[in-house]
Amino acid sequence: MQNEVPLPLLPVQPEYVTWRGHQIATYRAGAGQPFLLIHSINAAASAFEMRGPFAQLQADGEVYALDLLGYGNSERAVRPYVAEDYIDQIIAQLERIGQPTVVVASSLGGAYAVAAATRRPDLVRAMVLACPVGISQLAAPPGALSWAAYRLLSGTFGQWIFR
């Protein structure tokens, strides 16, 4: 994977980290308050979806984006993809960042981010979710984030992500 020419996803070259034996593309720019950008889950998903927020937020803090396992410049697995892998991968990235982080996520990536935050709230400073789906199936315990998720889902917080 590292010998291939990476796809032009973001204005910085990917750095690769090994997660459970797989090469995962991560992107980093800026300095200061950390932000972690999580893309959606679809056939063409990658950190490229987050190019707008990546460019804007790097002026205000240290921005991280990653291509989840099987997406963008990250390695493809030769086994089934499951939600737990993505949740664990988000937690691992937050642990690498090493301080409470603002997580910005969209679609099913948002549901995975919420599940990660419920398991490790010490790693998450705040969340911005754009059109998250599947939260009720992944987040636990019941009601832990329901009020916050409702406020985010019923507002317009995600509009700036797609401008």
N, C-alpha and C. Protein backbone atom coordinates (compact mmCIF):
# COMPACT_ATOMS: atom_id res chain seq x y z
N MET A 1 0.82 -1.19 0.00
CA MET A 1 0.00 0.00 0.00
C MET A 1 0.86 1.25 0.00
N GLN A 2 1.91 1.30 0.81
CA GLN A 2 2.72 2.50 0.89
C GLN A 2 3.55 2.73 -0.36
N ASN A 3 3.73 1.73 -1.20
CA ASN A 3 4.50 1.90 -2.43
C ASN A 3 3.65 2.42 -3.57
N GLU A 4 2.35 2.40 -3.41
CA GLU A 4 1.46 2.90 -4.44
C GLU A 4 1.39 4.42 -4.37
N VAL A 5 1.03 5.05 -5.47
CA VAL A 5 0.83 6.50 -5.48
C VAL A 5 -0.55 6.77 -4.88
N PRO A 6 -0.63 7.55 -3.78
CA PRO A 6 -1.91 7.77 -3.15
C PRO A 6 -2.84 8.61 -4.01
N LEU A 7 -4.13 8.38 -3.82
CA LEU A 7 -5.13 9.18 -4.51
C LEU A 7 -5.06 10.61 -3.99
N PRO A 8 -5.35 11.62 -4.82
CA PRO A 8 -5.30 13.01 -4.36
C PRO A 8 -6.54 13.36 -3.55
N LEU A 9 -6.59 12.95 -2.28
CA LEU A 9 -7.79 13.13 -1.48
C LEU A 9 -7.82 14.45 -0.75
N LEU A 10 -6.74 14.83 -0.12
CA LEU A 10 -6.67 16.06 0.65
C LEU A 10 -5.39 16.78 0.28
N PRO A 11 -5.26 18.06 0.67
CA PRO A 11 -4.08 18.82 0.27
C PRO A 11 -2.79 18.43 0.99
N VAL A 12 -2.80 17.34 1.74
CA VAL A 12 -1.60 16.82 2.39
C VAL A 12 -1.45 15.35 2.03
N GLN A 13 -0.24 14.86 2.07
CA GLN A 13 0.01 13.46 1.78
C GLN A 13 -0.41 12.60 2.97
N PRO A 14 -0.92 11.42 2.71
CA PRO A 14 -1.30 10.57 3.84
C PRO A 14 -0.08 10.03 4.58
N GLU A 15 -0.26 9.87 5.87
CA GLU A 15 0.68 9.13 6.69
C GLU A 15 -0.02 7.81 6.97
N TYR A 16 0.73 6.75 7.09
CA TYR A 16 0.10 5.45 7.31
C TYR A 16 0.39 4.96 8.72
N VAL A 17 -0.65 4.46 9.37
CA VAL A 17 -0.51 3.82 10.67
C VAL A 17 -0.99 2.38 10.50
N THR A 18 -0.45 1.51 11.31
CA THR A 18 -0.88 0.12 11.26
C THR A 18 -1.94 -0.10 12.33
N TRP A 19 -3.08 -0.58 11.90
CA TRP A 19 -4.18 -0.88 12.81
C TRP A 19 -4.61 -2.32 12.55
N ARG A 20 -4.42 -3.18 13.54
CA ARG A 20 -4.76 -4.60 13.43
C ARG A 20 -4.19 -5.23 12.16
N GLY A 21 -2.96 -4.86 11.83
CA GLY A 21 -2.28 -5.44 10.68
C GLY A 21 -2.61 -4.80 9.35
N HIS A 22 -3.45 -3.77 9.34
CA HIS A 22 -3.83 -3.08 8.10
C HIS A 22 -3.23 -1.68 8.06
N GLN A 23 -2.84 -1.24 6.87
CA GLN A 23 -2.32 0.11 6.68
C GLN A 23 -3.49 1.08 6.51
N ILE A 24 -3.57 2.06 7.41
CA ILE A 24 -4.66 3.03 7.42
C ILE A 24 -4.09 4.40 7.09
N ALA A 25 -4.68 5.04 6.08
CA ALA A 25 -4.25 6.38 5.67
C ALA A 25 -4.83 7.42 6.62
N THR A 26 -3.95 8.26 7.16
CA THR A 26 -4.38 9.37 8.00
C THR A 26 -3.80 10.65 7.43
N TYR A 27 -4.48 11.74 7.68
CA TYR A 27 -4.08 13.05 7.17
C TYR A 27 -4.07 14.00 8.35
N ARG A 28 -3.09 14.92 8.37
CA ARG A 28 -2.96 15.83 9.49
C ARG A 28 -2.43 17.17 9.00
N ALA A 29 -2.98 18.24 9.56
CA ALA A 29 -2.51 19.59 9.24
C ALA A 29 -2.91 20.52 10.38
N GLY A 30 -2.19 21.64 10.50
CA GLY A 30 -2.51 22.64 11.50
C GLY A 30 -1.92 22.32 12.85
N ALA A 31 -2.25 23.17 13.83
CA ALA A 31 -1.77 22.99 15.20
C ALA A 31 -2.80 23.57 16.15
N GLY A 32 -2.87 23.00 17.35
CA GLY A 32 -3.80 23.50 18.36
C GLY A 32 -4.85 22.47 18.71
N GLN A 33 -6.05 22.96 19.02
CA GLN A 33 -7.18 22.10 19.39
C GLN A 33 -7.37 21.02 18.34
N PRO A 34 -7.40 19.74 18.73
CA PRO A 34 -7.55 18.69 17.72
C PRO A 34 -9.00 18.49 17.27
N PHE A 35 -9.14 18.23 15.98
CA PHE A 35 -10.40 17.87 15.34
C PHE A 35 -10.15 16.55 14.61
N LEU A 36 -11.11 15.63 14.68
CA LEU A 36 -11.03 14.39 13.92
C LEU A 36 -12.23 14.33 12.99
N LEU A 37 -11.97 14.19 11.69
CA LEU A 37 -13.01 14.15 10.68
C LEU A 37 -13.24 12.71 10.25
N ILE A 38 -14.50 12.26 10.31
CA ILE A 38 -14.87 10.89 9.96
C ILE A 38 -15.82 10.93 8.77
N HIS A 39 -15.45 10.26 7.68
CA HIS A 39 -16.28 10.26 6.47
C HIS A 39 -17.47 9.31 6.61
N SER A 40 -18.38 9.38 5.65
CA SER A 40 -19.53 8.49 5.62
C SER A 40 -19.11 7.10 5.15
N ILE A 41 -20.07 6.20 5.10
CA ILE A 41 -19.80 4.83 4.66
C ILE A 41 -20.64 4.58 3.41
N ASN A 42 -20.00 4.59 2.27
CA ASN A 42 -20.66 4.27 1.00
C ASN A 42 -19.59 3.82 0.02
N ALA A 43 -19.98 3.44 -1.15
CA ALA A 43 -19.04 2.84 -2.11
C ALA A 43 -17.89 3.77 -2.48
N ALA A 44 -18.10 5.07 -2.45
CA ALA A 44 -17.06 6.02 -2.86
C ALA A 44 -16.53 6.85 -1.70
N ALA A 45 -16.78 6.43 -0.48
CA ALA A 45 -16.41 7.23 0.68
C ALA A 45 -14.90 7.30 0.88
N SER A 46 -14.45 8.44 1.40
CA SER A 46 -13.05 8.63 1.78
C SER A 46 -12.95 9.96 2.52
N ALA A 47 -11.75 10.25 3.00
CA ALA A 47 -11.51 11.52 3.67
C ALA A 47 -11.75 12.70 2.74
N PHE A 48 -11.76 12.46 1.42
CA PHE A 48 -12.01 13.52 0.45
C PHE A 48 -13.33 14.22 0.73
N GLU A 49 -14.32 13.51 1.27
CA GLU A 49 -15.60 14.12 1.62
C GLU A 49 -15.42 15.27 2.59
N MET A 50 -14.38 15.21 3.40
CA MET A 50 -14.16 16.19 4.44
C MET A 50 -13.17 17.28 4.03
N ARG A 51 -12.94 17.45 2.74
CA ARG A 51 -11.95 18.43 2.29
C ARG A 51 -12.32 19.85 2.70
N GLY A 52 -13.61 20.21 2.68
CA GLY A 52 -14.03 21.55 3.08
C GLY A 52 -13.73 21.84 4.54
N PRO A 53 -14.24 21.02 5.46
CA PRO A 53 -13.92 21.24 6.87
C PRO A 53 -12.43 21.10 7.17
N PHE A 54 -11.74 20.19 6.48
CA PHE A 54 -10.31 20.00 6.69
C PHE A 54 -9.58 21.32 6.41
N ALA A 55 -9.89 21.94 5.28
CA ALA A 55 -9.23 23.20 4.90
C ALA A 55 -9.58 24.33 5.87
N GLN A 56 -10.83 24.40 6.28
CA GLN A 56 -11.26 25.48 7.16
C GLN A 56 -10.74 25.32 8.58
N LEU A 57 -10.78 24.12 9.10
CA LEU A 57 -10.43 23.91 10.50
C LEU A 57 -8.93 23.94 10.77
N GLN A 58 -8.10 23.70 9.76
CA GLN A 58 -6.66 23.69 10.02
C GLN A 58 -6.14 25.07 10.40
N ALA A 59 -6.89 26.12 10.11
CA ALA A 59 -6.50 27.46 10.56
C ALA A 59 -6.78 27.64 12.06
N ASP A 60 -7.67 26.81 12.62
CA ASP A 60 -8.08 26.95 14.01
C ASP A 60 -7.53 25.86 14.93
N GLY A 61 -6.97 24.81 14.36
CA GLY A 61 -6.50 23.72 15.20
C GLY A 61 -5.78 22.67 14.39
N GLU A 62 -5.47 21.58 15.06
CA GLU A 62 -4.83 20.45 14.39
C GLU A 62 -5.92 19.51 13.90
N VAL A 63 -5.99 19.33 12.60
CA VAL A 63 -7.06 18.56 11.98
C VAL A 63 -6.52 17.21 11.55
N TYR A 64 -7.26 16.17 11.91
CA TYR A 64 -6.95 14.81 11.50
C TYR A 64 -8.13 14.30 10.68
N ALA A 65 -7.83 13.57 9.64
CA ALA A 65 -8.86 12.85 8.89
C ALA A 65 -8.28 11.48 8.61
N LEU A 66 -9.15 10.50 8.51
CA LEU A 66 -8.64 9.18 8.17
C LEU A 66 -9.56 8.52 7.18
N ASP A 67 -8.95 7.67 6.38
CA ASP A 67 -9.72 6.80 5.50
C ASP A 67 -9.94 5.52 6.29
N LEU A 68 -11.18 5.26 6.65
CA LEU A 68 -11.48 4.05 7.39
C LEU A 68 -11.07 2.81 6.60
N LEU A 69 -10.90 1.71 7.28
CA LEU A 69 -10.51 0.45 6.65
C LEU A 69 -11.38 0.16 5.43
N GLY A 70 -10.70 -0.04 4.28
CA GLY A 70 -11.42 -0.36 3.05
C GLY A 70 -11.82 0.83 2.21
N TYR A 71 -11.48 2.04 2.63
CA TYR A 71 -11.87 3.26 1.92
C TYR A 71 -10.66 4.10 1.56
N GLY A 72 -10.80 4.90 0.49
CA GLY A 72 -9.75 5.83 0.10
C GLY A 72 -8.41 5.16 -0.07
N ASN A 73 -7.39 5.69 0.60
CA ASN A 73 -6.03 5.16 0.51
C ASN A 73 -5.72 4.10 1.56
N SER A 74 -6.70 3.71 2.37
CA SER A 74 -6.48 2.66 3.36
C SER A 74 -6.58 1.29 2.72
N GLU A 75 -5.92 0.36 3.38
CA GLU A 75 -5.88 -1.01 2.87
C GLU A 75 -7.27 -1.65 2.88
N ARG A 76 -7.48 -2.56 1.93
CA ARG A 76 -8.72 -3.34 1.88
C ARG A 76 -8.52 -4.60 2.70
N ALA A 77 -9.54 -4.99 3.43
CA ALA A 77 -9.48 -6.21 4.23
C ALA A 77 -9.94 -7.39 3.39
N VAL A 78 -9.47 -8.57 3.75
CA VAL A 78 -9.89 -9.78 3.05
C VAL A 78 -10.86 -10.57 3.93
N ARG A 79 -11.61 -9.86 4.71
CA ARG A 79 -12.61 -10.44 5.60
C ARG A 79 -13.82 -9.50 5.61
N PRO A 80 -14.92 -9.92 6.18
CA PRO A 80 -16.10 -9.04 6.21
C PRO A 80 -15.82 -7.77 7.03
N TYR A 81 -16.42 -6.68 6.60
CA TYR A 81 -16.33 -5.42 7.34
C TYR A 81 -17.49 -5.38 8.33
N VAL A 82 -17.19 -5.02 9.57
CA VAL A 82 -18.23 -4.95 10.60
C VAL A 82 -18.13 -3.62 11.34
N ALA A 83 -19.26 -3.18 11.90
CA ALA A 83 -19.32 -1.90 12.60
C ALA A 83 -18.29 -1.80 13.71
N GLU A 84 -18.09 -2.88 14.46
CA GLU A 84 -17.15 -2.85 15.58
C GLU A 84 -15.74 -2.45 15.13
N ASP A 85 -15.35 -2.87 13.93
CA ASP A 85 -14.03 -2.49 13.42
C ASP A 85 -13.92 -0.98 13.27
N TYR A 86 -14.93 -0.36 12.71
CA TYR A 86 -14.89 1.09 12.49
C TYR A 86 -14.93 1.84 13.81
N ILE A 87 -15.74 1.37 14.74
CA ILE A 87 -15.80 2.00 16.06
C ILE A 87 -14.44 1.89 16.75
N ASP A 88 -13.86 0.71 16.74
CA ASP A 88 -12.54 0.51 17.35
C ASP A 88 -11.46 1.32 16.65
N GLN A 89 -11.57 1.47 15.33
CA GLN A 89 -10.59 2.26 14.58
C GLN A 89 -10.67 3.73 14.97
N ILE A 90 -11.87 4.25 15.16
CA ILE A 90 -12.05 5.64 15.60
C ILE A 90 -11.46 5.81 17.00
N ILE A 91 -11.74 4.88 17.90
CA ILE A 91 -11.17 4.95 19.25
C ILE A 91 -9.65 4.93 19.19
N ALA A 92 -9.07 4.07 18.37
CA ALA A 92 -7.61 3.99 18.24
C ALA A 92 -7.03 5.31 17.75
N GLN A 93 -7.70 5.96 16.80
CA GLN A 93 -7.21 7.25 16.30
C GLN A 93 -7.31 8.31 17.40
N LEU A 94 -8.40 8.32 18.14
CA LEU A 94 -8.53 9.27 19.24
C LEU A 94 -7.45 9.04 20.30
N GLU A 95 -7.13 7.79 20.57
CA GLU A 95 -6.04 7.49 21.51
C GLU A 95 -4.71 7.99 20.99
N ARG A 96 -4.47 7.87 19.67
CA ARG A 96 -3.22 8.38 19.08
C ARG A 96 -3.14 9.89 19.21
N ILE A 97 -4.26 10.57 19.05
CA ILE A 97 -4.28 12.03 19.20
C ILE A 97 -3.90 12.41 20.62
N GLY A 98 -4.41 11.68 21.60
CA GLY A 98 -3.94 11.82 22.97
C GLY A 98 -4.55 12.91 23.81
N GLN A 99 -5.58 13.58 23.35
CA GLN A 99 -6.27 14.58 24.16
C GLN A 99 -7.71 14.68 23.68
N PRO A 100 -8.62 15.21 24.53
CA PRO A 100 -10.02 15.33 24.11
C PRO A 100 -10.13 16.08 22.78
N THR A 101 -10.88 15.50 21.87
CA THR A 101 -10.93 15.93 20.48
C THR A 101 -12.35 16.26 20.06
N VAL A 102 -12.49 17.26 19.21
CA VAL A 102 -13.78 17.55 18.58
C VAL A 102 -13.91 16.62 17.39
N VAL A 103 -14.96 15.80 17.38
CA VAL A 103 -15.18 14.84 16.31
C VAL A 103 -16.26 15.38 15.38
N VAL A 104 -15.94 15.43 14.09
CA VAL A 104 -16.87 15.87 13.05
C VAL A 104 -17.11 14.66 12.15
N ALA A 105 -18.37 14.23 12.03
CA ALA A 105 -18.64 13.00 11.28
C ALA A 105 -19.96 13.11 10.53
N SER A 106 -20.06 12.33 9.45
CA SER A 106 -21.28 12.36 8.66
C SER A 106 -21.82 10.96 8.42
N SER A 107 -23.13 10.88 8.23
CA SER A 107 -23.84 9.67 7.85
C SER A 107 -23.53 8.54 8.82
N LEU A 108 -23.29 7.34 8.31
CA LEU A 108 -23.02 6.19 9.18
C LEU A 108 -21.70 6.37 9.94
N GLY A 109 -20.78 7.15 9.38
CA GLY A 109 -19.58 7.50 10.13
C GLY A 109 -19.93 8.23 11.42
N GLY A 110 -21.02 9.02 11.39
CA GLY A 110 -21.50 9.70 12.59
C GLY A 110 -21.99 8.73 13.64
N ALA A 111 -22.70 7.70 13.22
CA ALA A 111 -23.16 6.69 14.17
C ALA A 111 -21.98 5.96 14.80
N TYR A 112 -20.97 5.63 14.00
CA TYR A 112 -19.78 4.98 14.54
C TYR A 112 -19.06 5.90 15.51
N ALA A 113 -19.01 7.19 15.20
CA ALA A 113 -18.36 8.15 16.08
C ALA A 113 -19.11 8.27 17.41
N VAL A 114 -20.44 8.28 17.37
CA VAL A 114 -21.24 8.33 18.60
C VAL A 114 -20.98 7.09 19.44
N ALA A 115 -20.95 5.92 18.81
CA ALA A 115 -20.68 4.69 19.55
C ALA A 115 -19.30 4.74 20.19
N ALA A 116 -18.31 5.26 19.46
CA ALA A 116 -16.96 5.39 20.01
C ALA A 116 -16.97 6.35 21.21
N ALA A 117 -17.70 7.45 21.09
CA ALA A 117 -17.76 8.44 22.17
C ALA A 117 -18.45 7.89 23.41
N THR A 118 -19.45 7.03 23.24
CA THR A 118 -20.11 6.46 24.42
C THR A 118 -19.19 5.48 25.14
N ARG A 119 -18.29 4.85 24.40
CA ARG A 119 -17.36 3.90 25.01
C ARG A 119 -16.16 4.60 25.65
N ARG A 120 -15.74 5.71 25.04
CA ARG A 120 -14.57 6.44 25.53
C ARG A 120 -14.86 7.94 25.58
N PRO A 121 -15.77 8.38 26.44
CA PRO A 121 -16.11 9.80 26.50
C PRO A 121 -14.92 10.68 26.90
N ASP A 122 -13.93 10.10 27.56
CA ASP A 122 -12.74 10.85 27.95
C ASP A 122 -11.93 11.34 26.75
N LEU A 123 -12.14 10.74 25.58
CA LEU A 123 -11.37 11.10 24.39
C LEU A 123 -12.08 12.14 23.52
N VAL A 124 -13.34 12.46 23.83
CA VAL A 124 -14.14 13.33 22.97
C VAL A 124 -14.51 14.60 23.71
N ARG A 125 -14.14 15.74 23.13
CA ARG A 125 -14.48 17.04 23.71
C ARG A 125 -15.87 17.46 23.29
N ALA A 126 -16.19 17.28 22.01
CA ALA A 126 -17.49 17.66 21.45
C ALA A 126 -17.68 16.90 20.15
N MET A 127 -18.91 16.91 19.66
CA MET A 127 -19.20 16.23 18.39
C MET A 127 -20.05 17.14 17.51
N VAL A 128 -19.77 17.09 16.21
CA VAL A 128 -20.61 17.73 15.20
C VAL A 128 -21.00 16.62 14.24
N LEU A 129 -22.29 16.34 14.15
CA LEU A 129 -22.77 15.23 13.32
C LEU A 129 -23.63 15.78 12.19
N ALA A 130 -23.34 15.34 10.98
CA ALA A 130 -24.13 15.73 9.81
C ALA A 130 -24.86 14.51 9.30
N CYS A 131 -26.17 14.53 9.37
CA CYS A 131 -27.02 13.45 8.84
C CYS A 131 -26.61 12.08 9.36
N PRO A 132 -26.38 11.91 10.66
CA PRO A 132 -25.99 10.59 11.15
C PRO A 132 -27.16 9.62 11.05
N VAL A 133 -26.86 8.40 10.75
CA VAL A 133 -27.88 7.35 10.68
C VAL A 133 -27.45 6.19 11.57
N GLY A 134 -28.41 5.40 12.02
CA GLY A 134 -28.11 4.20 12.76
C GLY A 134 -27.68 4.40 14.19
N ILE A 135 -27.86 5.60 14.74
CA ILE A 135 -27.39 5.86 16.10
C ILE A 135 -28.09 4.95 17.10
N SER A 136 -29.39 4.76 16.97
CA SER A 136 -30.11 3.97 17.97
C SER A 136 -29.62 2.53 18.01
N GLN A 137 -29.12 2.01 16.91
CA GLN A 137 -28.64 0.64 16.90
C GLN A 137 -27.23 0.50 17.49
N LEU A 138 -26.43 1.57 17.45
CA LEU A 138 -25.04 1.45 17.86
C LEU A 138 -24.73 2.09 19.21
N ALA A 139 -25.41 3.17 19.55
CA ALA A 139 -25.07 3.90 20.77
C ALA A 139 -25.65 3.21 21.99
N ALA A 140 -24.88 3.22 23.07
CA ALA A 140 -25.34 2.63 24.31
C ALA A 140 -24.73 3.43 25.45
N PRO A 141 -25.27 3.50 26.59
CA PRO A 141 -26.55 2.94 27.01
C PRO A 141 -27.71 3.79 26.52
N PRO A 142 -28.92 3.25 26.54
CA PRO A 142 -30.07 4.01 26.05
C PRO A 142 -30.20 5.34 26.79
N GLY A 143 -30.38 6.40 26.03
CA GLY A 143 -30.57 7.72 26.61
C GLY A 143 -29.30 8.47 26.93
N ALA A 144 -28.14 7.82 26.87
CA ALA A 144 -26.90 8.48 27.25
C ALA A 144 -26.61 9.70 26.40
N LEU A 145 -26.82 9.59 25.12
CA LEU A 145 -26.57 10.71 24.22
C LEU A 145 -27.82 11.14 23.48
N SER A 146 -28.98 10.61 23.86
CA SER A 146 -30.17 10.87 23.06
C SER A 146 -30.52 12.35 23.01
N TRP A 147 -30.40 13.04 24.13
CA TRP A 147 -30.74 14.46 24.11
C TRP A 147 -29.77 15.23 23.22
N ALA A 148 -28.47 14.98 23.37
CA ALA A 148 -27.47 15.68 22.55
C ALA A 148 -27.64 15.32 21.08
N ALA A 149 -27.87 14.04 20.80
CA ALA A 149 -28.06 13.63 19.41
C ALA A 149 -29.31 14.27 18.83
N TYR A 150 -30.38 14.34 19.62
CA TYR A 150 -31.61 14.98 19.14
C TYR A 150 -31.35 16.44 18.79
N ARG A 151 -30.64 17.15 19.67
CA ARG A 151 -30.36 18.57 19.43
C ARG A 151 -29.52 18.75 18.16
N LEU A 152 -28.54 17.89 17.96
CA LEU A 152 -27.71 17.99 16.77
C LEU A 152 -28.49 17.64 15.51
N LEU A 153 -29.30 16.59 15.60
CA LEU A 153 -30.05 16.14 14.43
C LEU A 153 -31.16 17.12 14.05
N SER A 154 -31.75 17.79 15.03
CA SER A 154 -32.86 18.68 14.72
C SER A 154 -32.40 20.07 14.34
N GLY A 155 -31.11 20.36 14.46
CA GLY A 155 -30.58 21.67 14.12
C GLY A 155 -29.97 21.70 12.74
N THR A 156 -29.14 22.69 12.52
CA THR A 156 -28.50 22.86 11.21
C THR A 156 -26.98 22.75 11.32
N PHE A 157 -26.50 22.06 12.33
CA PHE A 157 -25.06 21.98 12.58
C PHE A 157 -24.27 21.40 11.41
N GLY A 158 -24.85 20.49 10.66
CA GLY A 158 -24.11 19.83 9.61
C GLY A 158 -24.04 20.56 8.30
N GLN A 159 -24.76 21.66 8.15
CA GLN A 159 -24.80 22.32 6.85
C GLN A 159 -23.44 22.81 6.39
N TRP A 160 -22.62 23.31 7.29
CA TRP A 160 -21.33 23.85 6.88
C TRP A 160 -20.40 22.78 6.34
N ILE A 161 -20.61 21.54 6.71
CA ILE A 161 -19.73 20.46 6.25
C ILE A 161 -19.77 20.30 4.74
N PHE A 162 -20.92 20.54 4.14
CA PHE A 162 -21.09 20.26 2.73
C PHE A 162 -21.06 21.49 1.84
N ARG A 163 -20.68 22.64 2.38
CA ARG A 163 -20.63 23.83 1.52
C ARG A 163 -19.39 23.88 0.70
